[in-house]
Amino acid sequence: MQPASTSPAETGTAVTATVVEHHRLRNNLSVIRLQCDSDVVPFRAGQYVDVTVPQRPGLPRRLSPALPPSLDGKLEFHVRSVPGGWVSGSIVADTRPGDVWTIGEPRGGDLHVDDSGRIVIMIAGGTGLAPLRALLLDMARRHEPPRTFLFVGGNSPRDLYASDMLSLLGEALPWLTVVPVVESVEEPDFPDPWYNRIAAQLGDIDADPDDLIEGSLGDVVTSYGAFGDHQVLLCGSAAMVRSTLHKLIETGTPAENIRYDPY
């Protein structure tokens, strides 16, 4: 996601939250959990907020909560550092419990699941999974959630950082099917000490190799045909969203069925 132009504090609606957990899952990726200090952030699942962190106080960044709203003020964000990304790099490498983040008012709303009961197709690239996970957990509160297929993609199995969590979620939610997609089933040559440390502690944390589908997210999703009467939600890097959106429309999915957010 791109940095915001103004800081949350400048909007007059800022909320502060304290980091309670920082889990570095990969060399370039962390999951951060926070507790709101007083007021809660009045967001809806699928929305995003502008956050300012103490390491880079003048550079707010747009992030989507990975949990639905809760009365106890718990927040979770998934952050991947990008080359030249001062804020994302600082969040991944330098965040510590006790840090106080400033969080602006929620924005967006294109990513949502309506009450029509239509089948839902979710397409998540990288940390674009975060708002879709919030939506899944929010949907689980419904009396009859719609049948949902989550396509989650990465360059390699190592990039599927939430494989173990998604496996548990798929087992717990009978209406959800998780489809892991990788550009290559081969792991990259360069080591990742954070991944290795977690694997040593927990054992096999990757998706089942038999479940992996090799290819680009756009090609794999559209291989199932057009989604003429479905709700399609798409979130990931700008390049992935553009490519997949084009392929969806090209293969017959009506543009009005697609809700997307470049992450």
C-alpha atoms as a PDB file:
ATOM      1  CA  MET A   1       0.000   0.000   0.000  1.00  0.00           C
ATOM      2  CA  GLN A   2       1.071   3.570  -0.602  1.00  0.00           C
ATOM      3  CA  PRO A   3       1.762   6.118   2.137  1.00  0.00           C
ATOM      4  CA  ALA A   4      -1.093   8.471   2.890  1.00  0.00           C
ATOM      5  CA  SER A   5      -0.736  12.201   2.215  1.00  0.00           C
ATOM      6  CA  THR A   6      -1.730  13.342   5.704  1.00  0.00           C
ATOM      7  CA  SER A   7      -1.133  11.817   9.102  1.00  0.00           C
ATOM      8  CA  PRO A   8      -4.014  10.390  11.148  1.00  0.00           C
ATOM      9  CA  ALA A   9      -3.378  12.995  13.840  1.00  0.00           C
ATOM     10  CA  GLU A  10      -4.095  15.760  11.307  1.00  0.00           C
ATOM     11  CA  THR A  11      -7.585  14.454  10.618  1.00  0.00           C
ATOM     12  CA  GLY A  12      -8.761  15.098  14.164  1.00  0.00           C
ATOM     13  CA  THR A  13     -10.189  11.585  14.475  1.00  0.00           C
ATOM     14  CA  ALA A  14      -7.046   9.738  15.520  1.00  0.00           C
ATOM     15  CA  VAL A  15      -7.082   6.774  17.896  1.00  0.00           C
ATOM     16  CA  THR A  16      -3.964   5.476  19.622  1.00  0.00           C
ATOM     17  CA  ALA A  17      -3.217   1.766  20.000  1.00  0.00           C
ATOM     18  CA  THR A  18      -0.343  -0.014  21.711  1.00  0.00           C
ATOM     19  CA  VAL A  19       1.574  -2.888  20.157  1.00  0.00           C
ATOM     20  CA  VAL A  20       1.139  -6.010  22.276  1.00  0.00           C
ATOM     21  CA  GLU A  21       2.661  -8.599  19.915  1.00  0.00           C
ATOM     22  CA  HIS A  22       5.083  -8.463  16.993  1.00  0.00           C
ATOM     23  CA  HIS A  23       5.523 -11.718  15.102  1.00  0.00           C
ATOM     24  CA  ARG A  24       8.136 -11.656  12.367  1.00  0.00           C
ATOM     25  CA  LEU A  25       7.081 -14.521  10.116  1.00  0.00           C
ATOM     26  CA  ARG A  26       9.450 -13.932   7.199  1.00  0.00           C
ATOM     27  CA  ASN A  27      12.479 -11.784   6.498  1.00  0.00           C
ATOM     28  CA  ASN A  28      10.151  -9.273   4.854  1.00  0.00           C
ATOM     29  CA  LEU A  29       6.861  -9.858   6.679  1.00  0.00           C
ATOM     30  CA  SER A  30       5.424  -9.340  10.147  1.00  0.00           C
ATOM     31  CA  VAL A  31       2.087  -9.687  11.898  1.00  0.00           C
ATOM     32  CA  ILE A  32       1.460  -6.957  14.477  1.00  0.00           C
ATOM     33  CA  ARG A  33      -1.273  -7.095  17.105  1.00  0.00           C
ATOM     34  CA  LEU A  34      -2.380  -4.002  18.999  1.00  0.00           C
ATOM     35  CA  GLN A  35      -4.798  -2.953  21.706  1.00  0.00           C
ATOM     36  CA  CYS A  36      -6.652   0.346  21.382  1.00  0.00           C
ATOM     37  CA  ASP A  37      -5.811   2.603  24.307  1.00  0.00           C
ATOM     38  CA  SER A  38      -9.267   4.112  24.851  1.00  0.00           C
ATOM     39  CA  ASP A  39     -11.596   4.586  21.894  1.00  0.00           C
ATOM     40  CA  VAL A  40     -11.937   1.773  19.368  1.00  0.00           C
ATOM     41  CA  VAL A  41     -11.495   2.279  15.631  1.00  0.00           C
ATOM     42  CA  PRO A  42     -14.987   2.371  14.051  1.00  0.00           C
ATOM     43  CA  PHE A  43     -14.140   0.413  10.916  1.00  0.00           C
ATOM     44  CA  ARG A  44     -15.962  -2.262   8.949  1.00  0.00           C
ATOM     45  CA  ALA A  45     -14.278  -5.489   7.867  1.00  0.00           C
ATOM     46  CA  GLY A  46     -12.641  -4.861   4.491  1.00  0.00           C
ATOM     47  CA  GLN A  47     -11.872  -1.198   5.106  1.00  0.00           C
ATOM     48  CA  TYR A  48      -8.431   0.349   5.628  1.00  0.00           C
ATOM     49  CA  VAL A  49      -6.944   2.946   7.956  1.00  0.00           C
ATOM     50  CA  ASP A  50      -3.957   5.279   7.848  1.00  0.00           C
ATOM     51  CA  VAL A  51      -1.440   4.449  10.564  1.00  0.00           C
ATOM     52  CA  THR A  52       1.570   6.359  11.853  1.00  0.00           C
ATOM     53  CA  VAL A  53       4.310   4.470  13.708  1.00  0.00           C
ATOM     54  CA  PRO A  54       6.913   5.975  16.065  1.00  0.00           C
ATOM     55  CA  GLN A  55       9.818   4.866  13.865  1.00  0.00           C
ATOM     56  CA  ARG A  56       8.542   7.052  10.976  1.00  0.00           C
ATOM     57  CA  PRO A  57       6.228   9.621  12.575  1.00  0.00           C
ATOM     58  CA  GLY A  58       5.909  11.824   9.499  1.00  0.00           C
ATOM     59  CA  LEU A  59       5.000   9.055   7.062  1.00  0.00           C
ATOM     60  CA  PRO A  60       1.545   7.518   7.561  1.00  0.00           C
ATOM     61  CA  ARG A  61       0.837   4.252   5.790  1.00  0.00           C
ATOM     62  CA  ARG A  62      -2.389   2.654   4.646  1.00  0.00           C
ATOM     63  CA  LEU A  63      -3.127  -0.747   6.220  1.00  0.00           C
ATOM     64  CA  SER A  64      -6.176  -3.009   6.411  1.00  0.00           C
ATOM     65  CA  PRO A  65      -7.095  -4.720   9.690  1.00  0.00           C
ATOM     66  CA  ALA A  66      -6.930  -8.510   9.508  1.00  0.00           C
ATOM     67  CA  LEU A  67      -9.565  -8.918  12.232  1.00  0.00           C
ATOM     68  CA  PRO A  68     -13.173  -7.715  12.145  1.00  0.00           C
ATOM     69  CA  PRO A  69     -14.202  -4.967  14.579  1.00  0.00           C
ATOM     70  CA  SER A  70     -14.416  -5.977  18.213  1.00  0.00           C
ATOM     71  CA  LEU A  71     -15.684  -4.194  21.299  1.00  0.00           C
ATOM     72  CA  ASP A  72     -12.428  -4.929  23.123  1.00  0.00           C
ATOM     73  CA  GLY A  73     -10.384  -2.871  20.658  1.00  0.00           C
ATOM     74  CA  LYS A  74      -8.068  -5.585  19.342  1.00  0.00           C
ATOM     75  CA  LEU A  75      -6.360  -4.890  16.016  1.00  0.00           C
ATOM     76  CA  GLU A  76      -4.107  -6.956  13.763  1.00  0.00           C
ATOM     77  CA  PHE A  77      -2.144  -5.919  10.702  1.00  0.00           C
ATOM     78  CA  HIS A  78      -0.060  -7.920   8.206  1.00  0.00           C
ATOM     79  CA  VAL A  79       2.857  -5.910   6.812  1.00  0.00           C
ATOM     80  CA  ARG A  80       5.325  -6.862   4.086  1.00  0.00           C
ATOM     81  CA  SER A  81       8.370  -4.663   3.510  1.00  0.00           C
ATOM     82  CA  VAL A  82       8.998  -3.551  -0.052  1.00  0.00           C
ATOM     83  CA  PRO A  83      12.242  -2.312  -1.649  1.00  0.00           C
ATOM     84  CA  GLY A  84      12.667   1.341  -0.784  1.00  0.00           C
ATOM     85  CA  GLY A  85       9.730   1.204   1.625  1.00  0.00           C
ATOM     86  CA  TRP A  86      10.923   3.195   4.633  1.00  0.00           C
ATOM     87  CA  VAL A  87       7.731   2.722   6.610  1.00  0.00           C
ATOM     88  CA  SER A  88       7.059  -0.928   5.776  1.00  0.00           C
ATOM     89  CA  GLY A  89      10.721  -1.796   6.402  1.00  0.00           C
ATOM     90  CA  SER A  90      10.647  -0.086   9.792  1.00  0.00           C
ATOM     91  CA  ILE A  91       7.404  -1.792  10.788  1.00  0.00           C
ATOM     92  CA  VAL A  92       8.720  -5.241   9.888  1.00  0.00           C
ATOM     93  CA  ALA A  93      12.182  -4.852  11.408  1.00  0.00           C
ATOM     94  CA  ASP A  94      11.826  -2.364  14.243  1.00  0.00           C
ATOM     95  CA  THR A  95       8.359  -2.703  15.788  1.00  0.00           C
ATOM     96  CA  ARG A  96       8.445  -3.558  19.488  1.00  0.00           C
ATOM     97  CA  PRO A  97       5.750  -4.295  22.091  1.00  0.00           C
ATOM     98  CA  GLY A  98       4.877  -1.039  23.796  1.00  0.00           C
ATOM     99  CA  ASP A  99       5.110   1.062  20.634  1.00  0.00           C
ATOM    100  CA  VAL A 100       2.149   3.405  20.276  1.00  0.00           C
ATOM    101  CA  TRP A 101       0.586   3.714  16.835  1.00  0.00           C
ATOM    102  CA  THR A 102      -1.753   6.484  15.738  1.00  0.00           C
ATOM    103  CA  ILE A 103      -4.664   5.259  13.657  1.00  0.00           C
ATOM    104  CA  GLY A 104      -6.898   7.446  11.505  1.00  0.00           C
ATOM    105  CA  GLU A 105     -10.525   7.085  10.565  1.00  0.00           C
ATOM    106  CA  PRO A 106     -11.467   4.125   8.342  1.00  0.00           C
ATOM    107  CA  ARG A 107     -11.825   4.583   4.609  1.00  0.00           C
ATOM    108  CA  GLY A 108     -12.847   2.481   1.651  1.00  0.00           C
ATOM    109  CA  GLY A 109     -15.666   0.024   1.564  1.00  0.00           C
ATOM    110  CA  ASP A 110     -15.511  -1.604  -1.832  1.00  0.00           C
ATOM    111  CA  LEU A 111     -14.414  -4.886  -0.250  1.00  0.00           C
ATOM    112  CA  HIS A 112     -17.589  -6.232   1.301  1.00  0.00           C
ATOM    113  CA  VAL A 113     -19.892  -9.232   1.070  1.00  0.00           C
ATOM    114  CA  ASP A 114     -23.565  -8.435   0.562  1.00  0.00           C
ATOM    115  CA  ASP A 115     -26.587 -10.353   1.820  1.00  0.00           C
ATOM    116  CA  SER A 116     -27.639 -11.755  -1.546  1.00  0.00           C
ATOM    117  CA  GLY A 117     -26.413 -15.253  -0.680  1.00  0.00           C
ATOM    118  CA  ARG A 118     -24.451 -15.446  -3.936  1.00  0.00           C
ATOM    119  CA  ILE A 119     -21.270 -17.549  -3.936  1.00  0.00           C
ATOM    120  CA  VAL A 120     -18.199 -15.510  -2.966  1.00  0.00           C
ATOM    121  CA  ILE A 121     -14.864 -15.743  -4.800  1.00  0.00           C
ATOM    122  CA  MET A 122     -11.997 -14.165  -2.849  1.00  0.00           C
ATOM    123  CA  ILE A 123      -8.617 -13.615  -4.503  1.00  0.00           C
ATOM    124  CA  ALA A 124      -5.735 -12.599  -2.210  1.00  0.00           C
ATOM    125  CA  GLY A 125      -2.181 -11.850  -3.259  1.00  0.00           C
ATOM    126  CA  GLY A 126       0.376 -11.639  -0.448  1.00  0.00           C
ATOM    127  CA  THR A 127      -0.755  -9.469   2.463  1.00  0.00           C
ATOM    128  CA  GLY A 128      -3.883  -8.643   0.486  1.00  0.00           C
ATOM    129  CA  LEU A 129      -5.126 -11.577   2.530  1.00  0.00           C
ATOM    130  CA  ALA A 130      -5.544  -9.310   5.585  1.00  0.00           C
ATOM    131  CA  PRO A 131      -8.857  -7.564   4.747  1.00  0.00           C
ATOM    132  CA  LEU A 132     -10.277 -10.748   3.228  1.00  0.00           C
ATOM    133  CA  ARG A 133      -9.495 -12.648   6.415  1.00  0.00           C
ATOM    134  CA  ALA A 134     -11.315  -9.945   8.384  1.00  0.00           C
ATOM    135  CA  LEU A 135     -14.297 -10.409   6.085  1.00  0.00           C
ATOM    136  CA  LEU A 136     -14.212 -14.203   6.511  1.00  0.00           C
ATOM    137  CA  LEU A 137     -14.244 -13.917  10.295  1.00  0.00           C
ATOM    138  CA  ASP A 138     -17.029 -11.357  10.072  1.00  0.00           C
ATOM    139  CA  MET A 139     -19.037 -13.651   7.780  1.00  0.00           C
ATOM    140  CA  ALA A 140     -18.640 -16.470  10.310  1.00  0.00           C
ATOM    141  CA  ARG A 141     -20.901 -14.472  12.617  1.00  0.00           C
ATOM    142  CA  ARG A 142     -23.784 -14.740  10.141  1.00  0.00           C
ATOM    143  CA  HIS A 143     -26.531 -17.310  10.501  1.00  0.00           C
ATOM    144  CA  GLU A 144     -25.976 -18.673   6.979  1.00  0.00           C
ATOM    145  CA  PRO A 145     -22.689 -17.496   5.410  1.00  0.00           C
ATOM    146  CA  PRO A 146     -22.491 -17.850   1.623  1.00  0.00           C
ATOM    147  CA  ARG A 147     -20.371 -20.540   0.012  1.00  0.00           C
ATOM    148  CA  THR A 148     -16.914 -19.034  -0.290  1.00  0.00           C
ATOM    149  CA  PHE A 149     -13.771 -19.922  -2.207  1.00  0.00           C
ATOM    150  CA  LEU A 150     -10.533 -18.203  -1.165  1.00  0.00           C
ATOM    151  CA  PHE A 151      -7.690 -18.247  -3.695  1.00  0.00           C
ATOM    152  CA  VAL A 152      -4.517 -17.141  -1.917  1.00  0.00           C
ATOM    153  CA  GLY A 153      -1.304 -16.706  -3.870  1.00  0.00           C
ATOM    154  CA  GLY A 154       2.431 -16.167  -3.601  1.00  0.00           C
ATOM    155  CA  ASN A 155       5.609 -16.640  -5.582  1.00  0.00           C
ATOM    156  CA  SER A 156       6.530 -19.852  -3.757  1.00  0.00           C
ATOM    157  CA  PRO A 157       5.151 -22.023  -0.931  1.00  0.00           C
ATOM    158  CA  ARG A 158       7.234 -19.988   1.522  1.00  0.00           C
ATOM    159  CA  ASP A 159       5.267 -16.869   0.555  1.00  0.00           C
ATOM    160  CA  LEU A 160       2.018 -18.418   1.784  1.00  0.00           C
ATOM    161  CA  TYR A 161       2.724 -17.133   5.271  1.00  0.00           C
ATOM    162  CA  ALA A 162      -0.725 -17.975   6.667  1.00  0.00           C
ATOM    163  CA  SER A 163      -1.012 -21.568   5.421  1.00  0.00           C
ATOM    164  CA  ASP A 164      -1.411 -23.078   8.883  1.00  0.00           C
ATOM    165  CA  MET A 165      -4.009 -20.505   9.939  1.00  0.00           C
ATOM    166  CA  LEU A 166      -5.978 -20.914   6.718  1.00  0.00           C
ATOM    167  CA  SER A 167      -5.928 -24.693   7.065  1.00  0.00           C
ATOM    168  CA  LEU A 168      -7.485 -24.405  10.530  1.00  0.00           C
ATOM    169  CA  LEU A 169      -9.982 -21.848   9.257  1.00  0.00           C
ATOM    170  CA  GLY A 170     -11.000 -24.114   6.392  1.00  0.00           C
ATOM    171  CA  GLU A 171     -11.569 -26.990   8.820  1.00  0.00           C
ATOM    172  CA  ALA A 172     -13.637 -24.824  11.164  1.00  0.00           C
ATOM    173  CA  LEU A 173     -15.810 -23.193   8.501  1.00  0.00           C
ATOM    174  CA  PRO A 174     -17.625 -25.761   6.354  1.00  0.00           C
ATOM    175  CA  TRP A 175     -18.724 -23.112   3.851  1.00  0.00           C
ATOM    176  CA  LEU A 176     -15.108 -22.093   3.096  1.00  0.00           C
ATOM    177  CA  THR A 177     -12.708 -23.696   0.610  1.00  0.00           C
ATOM    178  CA  VAL A 178      -9.103 -22.467   0.535  1.00  0.00           C
ATOM    179  CA  VAL A 179      -7.151 -22.809  -2.725  1.00  0.00           C
ATOM    180  CA  PRO A 180      -3.382 -22.102  -2.373  1.00  0.00           C
ATOM    181  CA  VAL A 181      -1.693 -20.898  -5.577  1.00  0.00           C
ATOM    182  CA  VAL A 182       2.034 -20.402  -6.227  1.00  0.00           C
ATOM    183  CA  GLU A 183       3.969 -19.142  -9.226  1.00  0.00           C
ATOM    184  CA  SER A 184       6.455 -21.963  -8.608  1.00  0.00           C
ATOM    185  CA  VAL A 185       6.277 -24.990  -6.330  1.00  0.00           C
ATOM    186  CA  GLU A 186      10.067 -24.754  -5.855  1.00  0.00           C
ATOM    187  CA  GLU A 187      11.352 -22.769  -2.900  1.00  0.00           C
ATOM    188  CA  PRO A 188      13.800 -19.909  -3.660  1.00  0.00           C
ATOM    189  CA  ASP A 189      17.523 -20.515  -3.246  1.00  0.00           C
ATOM    190  CA  PHE A 190      18.119 -17.712  -0.744  1.00  0.00           C
ATOM    191  CA  PRO A 191      17.581 -18.569   2.946  1.00  0.00           C
ATOM    192  CA  ASP A 192      15.054 -16.923   5.233  1.00  0.00           C
ATOM    193  CA  PRO A 193      16.175 -17.294   8.873  1.00  0.00           C
ATOM    194  CA  TRP A 194      12.773 -16.228  10.224  1.00  0.00           C
ATOM    195  CA  TYR A 195      10.957 -18.871   8.207  1.00  0.00           C
ATOM    196  CA  ASN A 196      13.557 -21.475   9.209  1.00  0.00           C
ATOM    197  CA  ARG A 197      13.222 -20.615  12.886  1.00  0.00           C
ATOM    198  CA  ILE A 198       9.430 -20.944  12.855  1.00  0.00           C
ATOM    199  CA  ALA A 199       9.619 -24.208  10.901  1.00  0.00           C
ATOM    200  CA  ALA A 200      12.113 -25.567  13.445  1.00  0.00           C
ATOM    201  CA  GLN A 201       9.780 -24.659  16.308  1.00  0.00           C
ATOM    202  CA  LEU A 202       6.458 -25.717  14.824  1.00  0.00           C
ATOM    203  CA  GLY A 203       7.332 -28.296  12.201  1.00  0.00           C
ATOM    204  CA  ASP A 204       5.622 -28.247   8.814  1.00  0.00           C
ATOM    205  CA  ILE A 205       4.007 -24.848   8.375  1.00  0.00           C
ATOM    206  CA  ASP A 206       3.568 -24.954   4.595  1.00  0.00           C
ATOM    207  CA  ALA A 207       0.465 -25.784   2.632  1.00  0.00           C
ATOM    208  CA  ASP A 208       0.065 -29.439   1.703  1.00  0.00           C
ATOM    209  CA  PRO A 209       2.029 -29.891  -1.559  1.00  0.00           C
ATOM    210  CA  ASP A 210      -0.857 -31.931  -2.951  1.00  0.00           C
ATOM    211  CA  ASP A 211      -3.147 -28.907  -2.523  1.00  0.00           C
ATOM    212  CA  LEU A 212      -0.894 -26.401  -4.278  1.00  0.00           C
ATOM    213  CA  ILE A 213      -1.822 -25.173  -7.743  1.00  0.00           C
ATOM    214  CA  GLU A 214       1.054 -23.801  -9.813  1.00  0.00           C
ATOM    215  CA  GLY A 215       0.472 -20.695 -11.899  1.00  0.00           C
ATOM    216  CA  SER A 216      -0.474 -17.050 -11.600  1.00  0.00           C
ATOM    217  CA  LEU A 217      -3.523 -16.153  -9.523  1.00  0.00           C
ATOM    218  CA  GLY A 218      -5.256 -14.674 -12.534  1.00  0.00           C
ATOM    219  CA  ASP A 219      -4.696 -17.737 -14.714  1.00  0.00           C
ATOM    220  CA  VAL A 220      -5.720 -20.198 -12.014  1.00  0.00           C
ATOM    221  CA  VAL A 221      -8.870 -18.343 -10.984  1.00  0.00           C
ATOM    222  CA  THR A 222     -10.079 -17.767 -14.527  1.00  0.00           C
ATOM    223  CA  SER A 223      -9.419 -21.401 -15.433  1.00  0.00           C
ATOM    224  CA  TYR A 224     -12.678 -22.114 -13.575  1.00  0.00           C
ATOM    225  CA  GLY A 225     -14.598 -20.015 -16.096  1.00  0.00           C
ATOM    226  CA  ALA A 226     -16.632 -16.844 -15.783  1.00  0.00           C
ATOM    227  CA  PHE A 227     -18.245 -15.887 -12.490  1.00  0.00           C
ATOM    228  CA  GLY A 228     -21.503 -14.585 -13.888  1.00  0.00           C
ATOM    229  CA  ASP A 229     -23.529 -14.722 -10.692  1.00  0.00           C
ATOM    230  CA  HIS A 230     -20.888 -14.494  -7.989  1.00  0.00           C
ATOM    231  CA  GLN A 231     -19.416 -11.871  -5.687  1.00  0.00           C
ATOM    232  CA  VAL A 232     -15.730 -11.522  -6.589  1.00  0.00           C
ATOM    233  CA  LEU A 233     -13.370  -9.785  -4.155  1.00  0.00           C
ATOM    234  CA  LEU A 234      -9.812  -9.059  -5.235  1.00  0.00           C
ATOM    235  CA  CYS A 235      -6.970  -7.654  -3.106  1.00  0.00           C
ATOM    236  CA  GLY A 236      -3.211  -7.598  -3.541  1.00  0.00           C
ATOM    237  CA  SER A 237      -0.436  -5.637  -5.194  1.00  0.00           C
ATOM    238  CA  ALA A 238      -1.477  -3.082  -7.796  1.00  0.00           C
ATOM    239  CA  ALA A 239       0.137  -5.152 -10.574  1.00  0.00           C
ATOM    240  CA  MET A 240      -1.607  -8.358  -9.496  1.00  0.00           C
ATOM    241  CA  VAL A 241      -4.964  -6.618  -9.178  1.00  0.00           C
ATOM    242  CA  ARG A 242      -4.679  -5.030 -12.629  1.00  0.00           C
ATOM    243  CA  SER A 243      -3.657  -8.297 -14.266  1.00  0.00           C
ATOM    244  CA  THR A 244      -6.285 -10.441 -12.539  1.00  0.00           C
ATOM    245  CA  LEU A 245      -9.047  -7.880 -13.063  1.00  0.00           C
ATOM    246  CA  HIS A 246      -8.271  -7.825 -16.783  1.00  0.00           C
ATOM    247  CA  LYS A 247      -8.323 -11.624 -17.014  1.00  0.00           C
ATOM    248  CA  LEU A 248     -11.589 -11.894 -15.064  1.00  0.00           C
ATOM    249  CA  ILE A 249     -13.367  -9.456 -17.380  1.00  0.00           C
ATOM    250  CA  GLU A 250     -11.733 -10.953 -20.474  1.00  0.00           C
ATOM    251  CA  THR A 251     -13.054 -14.409 -19.555  1.00  0.00           C
ATOM    252  CA  GLY A 252     -16.603 -13.193 -19.011  1.00  0.00           C
ATOM    253  CA  THR A 253     -16.971 -12.127 -15.371  1.00  0.00           C
ATOM    254  CA  PRO A 254     -19.110  -8.946 -15.351  1.00  0.00           C
ATOM    255  CA  ALA A 255     -17.163  -5.939 -14.093  1.00  0.00           C
ATOM    256  CA  GLU A 256     -20.015  -5.035 -11.755  1.00  0.00           C
ATOM    257  CA  ASN A 257     -19.521  -8.355  -9.923  1.00  0.00           C
ATOM    258  CA  ILE A 258     -15.930  -7.486  -8.966  1.00  0.00           C
ATOM    259  CA  ARG A 259     -14.859  -5.486  -5.920  1.00  0.00           C
ATOM    260  CA  TYR A 260     -11.160  -4.798  -5.630  1.00  0.00           C
ATOM    261  CA  ASP A 261      -8.489  -2.965  -3.690  1.00  0.00           C
ATOM    262  CA  PRO A 262      -4.847  -2.594  -4.774  1.00  0.00           C
ATOM    263  CA  TYR A 263      -2.912  -3.217  -1.560  1.00  0.00           C
END
